[in-house]
Amino acid sequence: MSEITDLSDNSIDTYSYRRDFDDKSRIGSANLYHKHSFSASELELLLQFHLSSNRNQVDQLEQGPEDIIYTYDFRNQRLGGSFTPSYRFSLRDFNWKVGMNTNYQQNKIDRREDNRSQFTHKEWTEYAYIDVNHNWRHFSLAASAGMEVVFRSVEGRHDRYYSFRPVVNLNYRFNARHSLTLNYNMQSTAPDVVQLNPYNTSSDTLSVTTGNPYLKPYRTQRTRLSYTLAARGFHLEPSVTYRQIGDQIVSTGEETSEGYIQSLANNGKSKLWTAGAALRYTIRGVGFVGIRGHWNRISFPVSGERDSYWEGLINWGLNFQRWGLSGYYGLPRYSYAMYKQGKSRSESWCTLTYSASDRVDLSVAMRYIGLNSKIQNWTEMSGYSYYYENRFTNRGNIVMIGIRYKIQNKKPERSVKKLEQIDKGFRLIRE
């Protein structure tokens, strides 16, 4: 509830805003992992399938000089699968790995509003690579070279993209306590279906926000130099990182008779310098306490924007007999894109666990300790300015109580992480 002022004649009217957000997802996955060891080599096969559906509905009412009703009703579906075989072997004292990552996804966005329509997206990615690593007396090398091909079909339009993806990691050990590491990698990132989506998803009735079905992958290059000191339970790692992104996906805008229309384009470049350190102290038989902090300097050559910000975190993991205490507390988090900036309050979490038996764990935890969650977003573009703030009144000092029962009390020899499914589907409009 507020007031709204028309700057053309300074007239003031009462204003109210209500937004009902309904988001439901169903996710299923099937994963198969096989590992076969030969006398001097190893073969791994991982096959994954995933299927997800999402109902993404928003009902929005603005009451002022005139009532404005916005209704969004999207039904999203994703079908995907991946096959990642790899083969490890040794040759002339070098360790080698060759492999391939095959990924396929098929997405559909069904807009169930007055003018019902569908958006379809299919993408097939092939990545073939070779890794090599070797250790000398004080020096070690780990390198990878791969080629990626992306085949994409969007609403009947077919595109193909190629990218070379090298990785080099050099490490020099002065002795058991001191080492120096230099890393370089270049990656290519394809736009996701939300960025390709052509439908309006703006919660601001003064503007229209859509994706761009014709976006192409963007390239990221990163170089990192770090020094490591390990002594008497302490582990210290200062580092400097430089990151450069080309063909970055950024917002574009145009004033029309229907209002301000925002979309996306591969028109951006960014440069980021990061300098900082991480310190960790290990208490033998008890656990660890760690702290890390980094200073960041980001710039966007196309628009001339630049800014600096800090990142930091304290974390801990302690155990005594049957009791465990773990958690973290961080500084506010920042996000930057050309013309846009975001800030969210500190994230925090603390969990106290008691192992009642080899199979049963009891826990009590708290999230958002001391401060409620809060999000702020700024947009400054030619002809358009936008500020958004969301204070979550029910997200502060949240208490959680848990019980966990282990069906088997011995960890299997295979890593359960191989079978984890990280694909959770997608949604167009978030809370």
Protein backbone atom coordinates (compact mmCIF):
# COMPACT_ATOMS: atom_id res chain seq x y z
CA MET A 1 0.00 0.00 0.00
CA SER A 2 1.47 3.36 -0.99
CA GLU A 3 0.95 6.43 -3.16
CA ILE A 4 1.85 7.03 -6.78
CA THR A 5 2.83 10.42 -8.22
CA ASP A 6 2.39 11.42 -11.85
CA LEU A 7 5.40 13.68 -12.50
CA SER A 8 3.72 15.37 -15.48
CA ASP A 9 1.24 17.24 -13.28
CA ASN A 10 2.36 16.19 -9.72
CA SER A 11 -1.01 14.57 -9.06
CA ILE A 12 -1.02 11.98 -6.26
CA ASP A 13 -3.23 8.90 -6.08
CA THR A 14 -3.45 5.97 -3.69
CA TYR A 15 -1.71 2.87 -4.96
CA SER A 16 -1.83 -0.80 -3.95
CA TYR A 17 0.05 -3.77 -5.32
CA ARG A 18 -0.59 -7.48 -4.86
CA ARG A 19 1.29 -10.39 -6.43
CA ASP A 20 0.34 -14.05 -5.99
CA PHE A 21 3.13 -16.41 -6.99
CA ASP A 22 2.49 -20.13 -7.57
CA ASP A 23 5.42 -22.35 -8.49
CA LYS A 24 5.32 -26.15 -8.50
CA SER A 25 7.84 -28.57 -10.00
CA ARG A 26 7.98 -32.32 -10.50
CA ILE A 27 11.39 -33.82 -11.16
CA GLY A 28 12.42 -37.37 -11.98
CA SER A 29 15.77 -38.89 -12.87
CA ALA A 30 17.43 -42.21 -13.60
CA ASN A 31 21.19 -42.65 -13.38
CA LEU A 32 23.44 -45.58 -14.21
CA TYR A 33 27.16 -45.69 -13.38
CA HIS A 34 29.67 -48.41 -14.24
CA LYS A 35 33.38 -48.61 -13.57
CA HIS A 36 35.67 -51.35 -14.84
CA SER A 37 39.31 -51.62 -13.84
CA PHE A 38 41.84 -53.33 -16.06
CA SER A 39 45.39 -54.17 -15.03
CA ALA A 40 46.76 -50.72 -15.93
CA SER A 41 43.74 -48.72 -17.04
CA GLU A 42 40.19 -47.82 -16.08
CA LEU A 43 36.91 -47.36 -17.93
CA GLU A 44 34.01 -45.29 -16.57
CA LEU A 45 30.51 -44.99 -18.01
CA LEU A 46 27.80 -42.67 -16.73
CA LEU A 47 24.31 -42.58 -18.26
CA GLN A 48 21.71 -40.11 -16.99
CA PHE A 49 18.10 -39.28 -17.87
CA HIS A 50 15.96 -36.54 -16.39
CA LEU A 51 12.41 -35.35 -16.84
CA SER A 52 10.85 -32.30 -15.23
CA SER A 53 7.66 -30.27 -15.42
CA ASN A 54 6.95 -26.91 -13.86
CA ARG A 55 3.84 -24.82 -13.33
CA ASN A 56 4.81 -21.15 -13.14
CA GLN A 57 1.84 -18.87 -12.47
CA VAL A 58 1.63 -15.24 -11.33
CA ASP A 59 -1.49 -13.14 -10.70
CA GLN A 60 -0.67 -9.46 -10.24
CA LEU A 61 -3.01 -6.56 -9.47
CA GLU A 62 -2.06 -2.87 -9.40
CA GLN A 63 -4.75 -0.43 -8.22
CA GLY A 64 -4.14 3.27 -8.77
CA PRO A 65 -5.56 5.83 -11.20
CA GLU A 66 -6.60 2.73 -13.14
CA ASP A 67 -6.53 -0.98 -12.33
CA ILE A 68 -3.92 -3.07 -14.12
CA ILE A 69 -4.17 -6.86 -14.04
CA TYR A 70 -1.29 -9.06 -15.17
CA THR A 71 -1.62 -12.83 -15.40
CA TYR A 72 1.20 -15.19 -16.32
CA ASP A 73 0.57 -18.90 -16.69
CA PHE A 74 3.48 -20.96 -18.01
CA ARG A 75 3.75 -24.75 -18.11
CA ASN A 76 7.38 -25.74 -18.66
CA GLN A 77 8.75 -29.17 -19.56
CA ARG A 78 12.25 -30.55 -19.97
CA LEU A 79 13.41 -33.94 -21.23
CA GLY A 80 17.13 -34.59 -21.21
CA GLY A 81 19.87 -37.16 -21.11
CA SER A 82 23.63 -37.47 -21.09
CA PHE A 83 26.26 -40.12 -21.74
CA THR A 84 29.82 -39.55 -20.49
CA PRO A 85 32.30 -42.36 -21.15
CA SER A 86 35.97 -41.92 -20.19
CA TYR A 87 39.10 -44.07 -20.29
CA ARG A 88 42.18 -43.61 -18.06
CA PHE A 89 45.59 -45.10 -18.76
CA SER A 90 49.32 -44.49 -18.29
CA LEU A 91 51.85 -44.03 -21.08
CA ARG A 92 55.54 -43.14 -20.65
CA ASP A 93 55.07 -42.03 -17.03
CA PHE A 94 52.24 -39.69 -18.02
CA ASN A 95 48.66 -40.23 -16.86
CA TRP A 96 46.11 -39.81 -19.64
CA LYS A 97 42.35 -39.60 -19.87
CA VAL A 98 40.24 -39.47 -23.00
CA GLY A 99 36.51 -39.01 -22.96
CA MET A 100 33.36 -37.60 -24.44
CA ASN A 101 30.37 -35.77 -22.99
CA THR A 102 27.14 -36.12 -24.93
CA ASN A 103 24.20 -34.06 -23.70
CA TYR A 104 20.72 -33.66 -25.13
CA GLN A 105 17.85 -31.53 -23.89
CA GLN A 106 14.39 -30.78 -25.23
CA ASN A 107 12.45 -27.92 -23.64
CA LYS A 108 8.92 -26.68 -24.12
CA ILE A 109 7.26 -23.54 -22.79
CA ASP A 110 3.48 -23.55 -22.99
CA ARG A 111 1.97 -20.10 -22.44
CA ARG A 112 -1.63 -20.60 -21.28
CA GLU A 113 -2.98 -17.10 -21.40
CA ASP A 114 -5.39 -15.33 -23.76
CA ASN A 115 -3.15 -15.85 -26.78
CA ARG A 116 -1.97 -19.40 -26.10
CA SER A 117 1.28 -20.40 -27.79
CA GLN A 118 4.28 -22.71 -27.40
CA PHE A 119 8.02 -22.24 -27.58
CA THR A 120 10.24 -25.26 -28.30
CA HIS A 121 13.99 -25.59 -27.91
CA LYS A 122 16.22 -28.59 -28.68
CA GLU A 123 19.95 -28.73 -28.04
CA TRP A 124 22.55 -31.44 -28.58
CA THR A 125 26.10 -30.88 -27.27
CA GLU A 126 29.15 -33.00 -28.07
CA TYR A 127 32.41 -32.46 -26.20
CA ALA A 128 35.48 -34.63 -26.84
CA TYR A 129 38.63 -34.10 -24.78
CA ILE A 130 42.00 -35.45 -23.72
CA ASP A 131 43.62 -34.86 -20.31
CA VAL A 132 47.23 -35.38 -19.30
CA ASN A 133 49.09 -34.94 -16.02
CA HIS A 134 52.58 -35.67 -14.79
CA ASN A 135 54.64 -35.06 -11.65
CA TRP A 136 58.31 -34.28 -11.59
CA ARG A 137 60.40 -33.67 -8.44
CA HIS A 138 59.17 -30.14 -7.72
CA PHE A 139 56.99 -29.49 -10.73
CA SER A 140 53.62 -30.89 -11.85
CA LEU A 141 51.51 -30.38 -14.96
CA ALA A 142 47.82 -30.99 -15.57
CA ALA A 143 46.42 -30.02 -18.94
CA SER A 144 43.30 -30.63 -21.00
CA ALA A 145 42.26 -29.86 -24.55
CA GLY A 146 38.81 -30.39 -25.98
CA MET A 147 36.49 -29.46 -28.78
CA GLU A 148 32.82 -28.70 -28.25
CA VAL A 149 30.06 -28.60 -30.84
CA VAL A 150 26.54 -27.33 -30.04
CA PHE A 151 23.63 -28.17 -32.35
CA ARG A 152 20.58 -26.09 -31.54
CA SER A 153 17.05 -25.89 -32.91
CA VAL A 154 14.82 -23.02 -31.81
CA GLU A 155 11.36 -22.75 -33.36
CA GLY A 156 12.58 -24.48 -36.53
CA ARG A 157 15.76 -22.38 -36.81
CA HIS A 158 18.93 -24.52 -36.76
CA ASP A 159 22.34 -23.28 -35.61
CA ARG A 160 25.73 -24.87 -34.97
CA TYR A 161 28.54 -23.53 -32.76
CA TYR A 162 32.13 -24.70 -32.31
CA SER A 163 34.48 -23.89 -29.45
CA PHE A 164 37.96 -24.92 -28.32
CA ARG A 165 38.31 -25.45 -24.55
CA PRO A 166 41.88 -25.59 -23.19
CA VAL A 167 42.91 -25.92 -19.53
CA VAL A 168 46.46 -25.69 -18.15
CA ASN A 169 47.46 -26.07 -14.49
CA LEU A 170 51.12 -25.63 -13.46
CA ASN A 171 52.32 -26.23 -9.92
CA TYR A 172 55.77 -25.73 -8.40
CA ARG A 173 56.50 -27.11 -4.91
CA PHE A 174 59.38 -25.38 -3.13
CA ASN A 175 59.09 -27.91 -0.29
CA ALA A 176 56.39 -29.75 1.66
CA ARG A 177 54.96 -26.46 2.99
CA HIS A 178 55.25 -23.97 0.13
CA SER A 179 53.89 -24.17 -3.42
CA LEU A 180 52.94 -21.89 -6.31
CA THR A 181 50.13 -22.63 -8.80
CA LEU A 182 49.23 -21.02 -12.13
CA ASN A 183 45.97 -21.95 -13.84
CA TYR A 184 44.44 -20.92 -17.17
CA ASN A 185 41.17 -22.11 -18.71
CA MET A 186 38.84 -21.04 -21.49
CA GLN A 187 35.20 -22.12 -21.48
CA SER A 188 32.19 -21.63 -23.71
CA THR A 189 28.72 -21.25 -22.17
CA ALA A 190 25.53 -21.65 -24.16
CA PRO A 191 22.46 -19.58 -23.23
CA ASP A 192 19.83 -21.48 -21.28
CA VAL A 193 16.20 -21.82 -22.30
CA VAL A 194 15.10 -18.98 -19.99
CA GLN A 195 17.40 -16.58 -21.86
CA LEU A 196 16.09 -17.86 -25.21
CA ASN A 197 12.45 -17.53 -24.15
CA PRO A 198 10.57 -14.96 -26.32
CA TYR A 199 7.69 -14.32 -23.88
CA ASN A 200 7.23 -11.36 -21.56
CA THR A 201 8.12 -12.16 -17.92
CA SER A 202 8.28 -8.63 -16.48
CA SER A 203 6.60 -7.90 -13.15
CA ASP A 204 6.88 -4.17 -13.94
CA THR A 205 3.80 -3.01 -15.86
CA LEU A 206 5.80 -0.12 -17.36
CA SER A 207 8.09 -2.43 -19.29
CA VAL A 208 8.23 -5.69 -21.24
CA THR A 209 11.06 -8.18 -20.64
CA THR A 210 11.79 -11.06 -23.00
CA GLY A 211 14.65 -13.34 -23.93
CA ASN A 212 16.22 -13.71 -27.36
CA PRO A 213 15.92 -17.00 -29.33
CA TYR A 214 18.96 -16.03 -31.43
CA LEU A 215 21.55 -15.75 -28.67
CA LYS A 216 24.82 -17.60 -29.20
CA PRO A 217 27.31 -19.06 -26.67
CA TYR A 218 29.72 -16.67 -24.96
CA ARG A 219 33.37 -17.27 -24.06
CA THR A 220 35.05 -16.95 -20.66
CA GLN A 221 38.81 -16.88 -20.08
CA ARG A 222 40.22 -17.11 -16.56
CA THR A 223 43.80 -16.94 -15.24
CA ARG A 224 44.62 -17.56 -11.56
CA LEU A 225 47.89 -17.37 -9.62
CA SER A 226 47.96 -18.68 -6.05
CA TYR A 227 50.49 -19.38 -3.32
CA THR A 228 49.96 -22.05 -0.67
CA LEU A 229 51.51 -22.24 2.80
CA ALA A 230 50.71 -25.23 5.04
CA ALA A 231 52.21 -25.43 8.53
CA ARG A 232 51.12 -26.53 12.03
CA GLY A 233 47.49 -26.98 11.14
CA PHE A 234 47.25 -23.71 9.20
CA HIS A 235 46.53 -23.59 5.48
CA LEU A 236 46.94 -20.15 3.88
CA GLU A 237 46.26 -19.43 0.18
CA PRO A 238 46.49 -15.87 -1.18
CA SER A 239 45.52 -15.58 -4.86
CA VAL A 240 44.99 -13.20 -7.78
CA THR A 241 42.48 -13.98 -10.57
CA TYR A 242 41.72 -12.27 -13.87
CA ARG A 243 38.54 -13.13 -15.78
CA GLN A 244 37.47 -11.85 -19.20
CA ILE A 245 34.14 -12.56 -20.91
CA GLY A 246 33.53 -11.92 -24.62
CA ASP A 247 30.20 -11.88 -26.47
CA GLN A 248 28.58 -11.61 -23.04
CA ILE A 249 24.79 -11.79 -22.86
CA VAL A 250 23.54 -8.38 -21.71
CA SER A 251 20.28 -6.46 -21.59
CA THR A 252 19.18 -4.18 -24.40
CA GLY A 253 16.29 -1.72 -24.39
CA GLU A 254 14.07 0.30 -26.68
CA GLU A 255 11.27 2.81 -26.00
CA THR A 256 8.09 1.97 -27.95
CA SER A 257 4.43 2.97 -27.91
CA GLU A 258 3.77 -0.13 -25.77
CA GLY A 259 6.34 0.92 -23.17
CA TYR A 260 9.98 0.09 -22.61
CA ILE A 261 10.94 -3.28 -24.14
CA GLN A 262 13.95 -5.12 -22.71
CA SER A 263 15.61 -8.10 -24.35
CA LEU A 264 19.05 -9.77 -24.49
CA ALA A 265 21.94 -9.69 -26.95
CA ASN A 266 25.57 -10.84 -27.24
CA ASN A 267 26.81 -7.23 -27.02
CA GLY A 268 28.79 -7.24 -23.78
CA LYS A 269 32.33 -7.58 -22.53
CA SER A 270 33.50 -7.65 -18.94
CA LYS A 271 36.80 -7.76 -17.07
CA LEU A 272 37.10 -8.85 -13.45
CA TRP A 273 40.14 -8.69 -11.14
CA THR A 274 39.94 -10.60 -7.85
CA ALA A 275 42.55 -10.54 -5.09
CA GLY A 276 42.25 -12.13 -1.68
CA ALA A 277 43.14 -15.00 0.60
CA ALA A 278 41.69 -18.04 2.34
CA LEU A 279 42.85 -19.21 5.77
CA ARG A 280 41.91 -22.52 7.35
CA TYR A 281 42.97 -23.94 10.71
CA THR A 282 42.57 -27.65 11.37
CA ILE A 283 42.17 -28.83 14.94
CA ARG A 284 43.35 -32.41 15.10
CA GLY A 285 40.55 -34.78 16.05
CA VAL A 286 38.01 -31.93 16.28
CA GLY A 287 37.55 -30.23 12.91
CA PHE A 288 38.35 -26.89 11.28
CA VAL A 289 37.64 -23.17 11.28
CA GLY A 290 38.08 -21.15 8.09
CA ILE A 291 37.84 -17.60 6.80
CA ARG A 292 38.20 -16.15 3.32
CA GLY A 293 37.93 -12.69 1.85
CA HIS A 294 38.31 -11.24 -1.65
CA TRP A 295 38.35 -7.78 -3.20
CA ASN A 296 36.82 -7.55 -6.69
CA ARG A 297 37.14 -4.92 -9.39
CA ILE A 298 34.75 -5.32 -12.35
CA SER A 299 34.51 -3.20 -15.51
CA PHE A 300 32.42 -3.18 -18.69
CA PRO A 301 34.39 -1.62 -21.59
CA VAL A 302 31.32 -1.19 -23.84
CA SER A 303 29.37 0.96 -21.38
CA GLY A 304 32.30 2.35 -19.36
CA GLU A 305 30.81 1.09 -16.06
CA ARG A 306 33.05 -0.14 -13.25
CA ASP A 307 32.76 -0.92 -9.58
CA SER A 308 34.52 -2.57 -6.63
CA TYR A 309 33.13 -4.83 -3.91
CA TRP A 310 34.17 -7.26 -1.17
CA GLU A 311 33.25 -10.91 -0.65
CA GLY A 312 33.88 -12.87 2.53
CA LEU A 313 32.86 -15.91 4.53
CA ILE A 314 33.54 -17.60 7.86
CA ASN A 315 32.84 -21.34 8.05
CA TRP A 316 33.39 -24.11 10.55
CA GLY A 317 33.00 -27.86 11.02
CA LEU A 318 33.61 -29.23 14.51
CA ASN A 319 32.99 -32.66 16.05
CA PHE A 320 33.25 -33.95 19.60
CA GLN A 321 32.25 -37.50 20.45
CA ARG A 322 28.64 -37.79 19.14
CA TRP A 323 28.13 -34.05 18.64
CA GLY A 324 28.77 -31.99 15.53
CA LEU A 325 28.60 -28.25 14.83
CA SER A 326 28.87 -26.81 11.32
CA GLY A 327 27.90 -23.63 9.55
CA TYR A 328 28.92 -20.43 7.83
CA TYR A 329 28.32 -16.68 7.94
CA GLY A 330 29.02 -14.50 4.92
CA LEU A 331 29.20 -10.88 3.84
CA PRO A 332 26.46 -9.43 1.59
CA ARG A 333 26.59 -10.85 -1.95
CA TYR A 334 26.78 -8.77 -5.11
CA SER A 335 26.06 -9.54 -8.75
CA TYR A 336 26.94 -7.38 -11.74
CA ALA A 337 25.99 -7.28 -15.40
CA MET A 338 26.18 -4.45 -17.90
CA TYR A 339 23.54 -1.87 -16.83
CA LYS A 340 22.46 -4.06 -13.87
CA GLN A 341 23.48 -4.63 -10.27
CA GLY A 342 22.10 -6.88 -7.54
CA LYS A 343 22.71 -7.13 -3.81
CA SER A 344 21.46 -9.62 -1.22
CA ARG A 345 21.97 -9.67 2.52
CA SER A 346 24.34 -12.02 4.28
CA GLU A 347 23.64 -15.72 4.08
CA SER A 348 24.14 -17.74 7.27
CA TRP A 349 23.52 -21.25 8.47
CA CYS A 350 24.38 -23.19 11.64
CA THR A 351 23.59 -26.86 12.35
CA LEU A 352 24.00 -28.83 15.58
CA THR A 353 23.93 -32.61 15.08
CA TYR A 354 23.75 -35.49 17.53
CA SER A 355 24.47 -39.06 16.41
CA ALA A 356 22.10 -41.14 18.51
CA SER A 357 23.43 -44.34 16.90
CA ASP A 358 25.34 -45.52 13.87
CA ARG A 359 22.17 -45.17 11.83
CA VAL A 360 20.22 -42.29 13.40
CA ASP A 361 21.20 -38.59 13.43
CA LEU A 362 19.20 -35.80 15.08
CA SER A 363 19.77 -32.16 14.15
CA VAL A 364 18.61 -28.64 14.83
CA ALA A 365 19.59 -25.78 12.54
CA MET A 366 19.03 -22.08 11.97
CA ARG A 367 19.19 -20.08 8.73
CA TYR A 368 19.33 -16.28 8.21
CA ILE A 369 20.80 -15.73 11.67
CA GLY A 370 20.22 -12.23 13.06
CA LEU A 371 19.03 -10.60 9.81
CA ASN A 372 16.05 -11.24 7.57
CA SER A 373 16.72 -11.99 3.92
CA LYS A 374 16.63 -8.97 1.62
CA ILE A 375 17.19 -8.53 -2.13
CA GLN A 376 17.87 -5.32 -4.09
CA ASN A 377 18.20 -4.88 -7.87
CA TRP A 378 19.14 -1.78 -9.88
CA THR A 379 18.88 -1.23 -13.64
CA GLU A 380 20.23 1.90 -15.37
CA MET A 381 19.83 1.98 -19.14
CA SER A 382 19.37 4.72 -21.70
CA GLY A 383 15.80 5.94 -21.24
CA TYR A 384 14.99 3.48 -18.47
CA SER A 385 15.70 3.25 -14.73
CA TYR A 386 14.43 0.58 -12.35
CA TYR A 387 14.84 -0.27 -8.66
CA TYR A 388 13.46 -3.33 -6.90
CA GLU A 389 13.61 -4.22 -3.22
CA ASN A 390 12.19 -7.30 -1.53
CA ARG A 391 12.32 -7.76 2.24
CA PHE A 392 11.35 -11.28 3.26
CA THR A 393 9.57 -10.74 6.56
CA ASN A 394 9.31 -14.49 7.25
CA ARG A 395 12.93 -15.35 6.37
CA GLY A 396 14.86 -14.58 9.52
CA ASN A 397 16.09 -16.88 12.30
CA ILE A 398 14.40 -19.85 10.62
CA VAL A 399 14.61 -22.94 12.84
CA MET A 400 14.73 -26.42 11.31
CA ILE A 401 14.60 -29.77 13.08
CA GLY A 402 15.69 -32.93 11.30
CA ILE A 403 16.09 -36.67 11.71
CA ARG A 404 18.05 -38.90 9.37
CA TYR A 405 18.06 -42.68 9.21
CA LYS A 406 20.80 -44.46 7.27
CA ILE A 407 19.72 -47.68 5.60
CA GLN A 408 23.36 -48.81 5.45
CA ASN A 409 25.97 -47.63 7.90
CA LYS A 410 28.94 -48.26 5.64
CA LYS A 411 29.68 -46.04 2.71
CA PRO A 412 29.76 -48.00 -0.55
CA GLU A 413 33.05 -48.17 -2.40
CA ARG A 414 31.68 -46.26 -5.37
CA SER A 415 31.17 -42.53 -4.95
CA VAL A 416 27.49 -41.69 -4.53
CA LYS A 417 28.18 -38.31 -6.13
CA LYS A 418 28.42 -40.06 -9.48
CA LEU A 419 24.69 -40.69 -9.25
CA GLU A 420 23.62 -37.23 -8.16
CA GLN A 421 21.32 -35.44 -10.59
CA ILE A 422 21.89 -31.68 -10.62
CA ASP A 423 19.35 -30.79 -13.32
CA LYS A 424 16.27 -29.38 -11.55
CA GLY A 425 14.37 -28.18 -14.60
CA PHE A 426 13.67 -24.47 -15.19
CA ARG A 427 11.16 -21.69 -14.49
CA LEU A 428 10.63 -18.37 -16.27
CA ILE A 429 9.48 -16.25 -13.32
CA ARG A 430 11.10 -16.45 -9.90
CA GLU A 431 9.88 -15.27 -6.56
